[in-house]
Amino acid sequence: MLPFKLPIGTVAVYGVGASISNNLFSRDQNEFIKFGTVSESYNQNGRANVGQVVMFDIRDAKTIFYIDRDYSILPEDKIGGVEQPPL
């Protein structure tokens, strides 16, 4: 958990997401597209909830480092998609 409250309309994302998502793009295709797990959200009724894997453009995010982990803080409306778990 981050040591501050997120601003309205933002989410905090960490990690690289699930392996199924990471296979959609190679690093050469688009170095700016990232996948990560939502760790915190200002609004739990928004586009993505805590624990979901989301796709986003790293250029839309501010990256911080806290307790050995990188977090990307980005506007919720910049989430490009939410991963659907395999059936």
Protein backbone atom coordinates (compact mmCIF):
# COMPACT_ATOMS: atom_id res chain seq x y z
CA MET A 1 0.00 0.00 0.00
CA LEU A 2 1.30 3.42 -0.95
CA PRO A 3 1.86 5.97 1.83
CA PHE A 4 -0.47 8.55 0.27
CA LYS A 5 -4.04 8.82 -0.96
CA LEU A 6 -4.45 8.71 -4.73
CA PRO A 7 -5.98 11.73 -6.48
CA ILE A 8 -9.49 11.48 -7.88
CA GLY A 9 -9.66 9.37 -11.05
CA THR A 10 -6.28 7.65 -10.71
CA VAL A 11 -5.00 4.12 -10.17
CA ALA A 12 -1.68 2.68 -8.99
CA VAL A 13 -0.35 -0.26 -11.01
CA TYR A 14 2.61 -2.54 -10.28
CA GLY A 15 4.34 -5.51 -11.86
CA VAL A 16 4.22 -6.86 -15.37
CA GLY A 17 0.80 -8.49 -15.35
CA ALA A 18 -0.06 -12.03 -16.29
CA SER A 19 1.94 -14.01 -18.84
CA ILE A 20 -1.03 -14.27 -21.20
CA SER A 21 -1.04 -10.47 -21.57
CA ASN A 22 2.71 -10.17 -21.96
CA ASN A 23 2.58 -12.44 -25.03
CA LEU A 24 0.37 -10.01 -26.96
CA PHE A 25 3.23 -7.68 -27.86
CA SER A 26 6.94 -8.12 -28.26
CA ARG A 27 9.26 -5.43 -26.95
CA ASP A 28 10.04 -4.49 -30.54
CA GLN A 29 6.39 -3.89 -31.47
CA ASN A 30 5.61 -1.28 -28.84
CA GLU A 31 7.96 -0.50 -26.00
CA PHE A 32 5.42 1.85 -24.40
CA ILE A 33 2.59 -0.64 -23.85
CA LYS A 34 2.77 -2.17 -20.37
CA PHE A 35 0.67 -4.54 -18.31
CA GLY A 36 0.38 -4.46 -14.57
CA THR A 37 -1.81 -5.30 -11.61
CA VAL A 38 -3.93 -2.59 -10.01
CA SER A 39 -2.77 -2.20 -6.42
CA GLU A 40 -4.90 0.79 -5.47
CA SER A 41 -7.70 2.79 -7.00
CA TYR A 42 -9.33 6.03 -5.94
CA ASN A 43 -12.74 4.69 -6.94
CA GLN A 44 -13.55 0.99 -6.51
CA ASN A 45 -16.52 1.38 -8.87
CA GLY A 46 -14.37 2.58 -11.73
CA ARG A 47 -12.99 0.98 -14.85
CA ALA A 48 -10.55 -1.33 -13.05
CA ASN A 49 -10.53 -2.80 -9.57
CA VAL A 50 -7.71 -3.81 -7.25
CA GLY A 51 -6.18 -7.09 -8.40
CA GLN A 52 -7.11 -6.78 -12.07
CA VAL A 53 -4.45 -6.75 -14.77
CA VAL A 54 -4.63 -3.70 -17.02
CA MET A 55 -2.93 -2.47 -20.19
CA PHE A 56 -1.64 1.10 -20.35
CA ASP A 57 0.80 3.37 -22.15
CA ILE A 58 3.73 4.10 -19.84
CA ARG A 59 3.91 7.64 -21.28
CA ASP A 60 0.56 8.38 -19.57
CA ALA A 61 1.92 7.37 -16.15
CA LYS A 62 4.13 8.78 -13.43
CA THR A 63 6.42 6.10 -12.05
CA ILE A 64 7.47 6.02 -8.41
CA PHE A 65 9.58 3.56 -6.44
CA TYR A 66 8.38 2.54 -2.98
CA ILE A 67 9.59 -0.35 -0.82
CA ASP A 68 11.41 -2.24 -3.57
CA ARG A 69 8.61 -1.94 -6.11
CA ASP A 70 7.87 0.33 -9.07
CA TYR A 71 4.36 1.77 -9.20
CA SER A 72 2.83 3.50 -12.19
CA ILE A 73 0.29 6.15 -11.23
CA LEU A 74 -2.04 6.94 -14.11
CA PRO A 75 -5.44 8.41 -14.87
CA GLU A 76 -8.08 5.70 -14.86
CA ASP A 77 -9.36 6.84 -18.26
CA LYS A 78 -5.92 6.03 -19.76
CA ILE A 79 -6.31 2.31 -19.08
CA GLY A 80 -6.32 0.67 -22.50
CA GLY A 81 -8.00 -2.52 -21.40
CA VAL A 82 -8.64 -4.92 -18.55
CA GLU A 83 -7.43 -8.50 -18.92
CA GLN A 84 -10.09 -11.19 -19.02
CA PRO A 85 -9.02 -14.35 -17.20
CA PRO A 86 -8.81 -17.47 -19.38
CA LEU A 87 -11.80 -19.81 -19.21
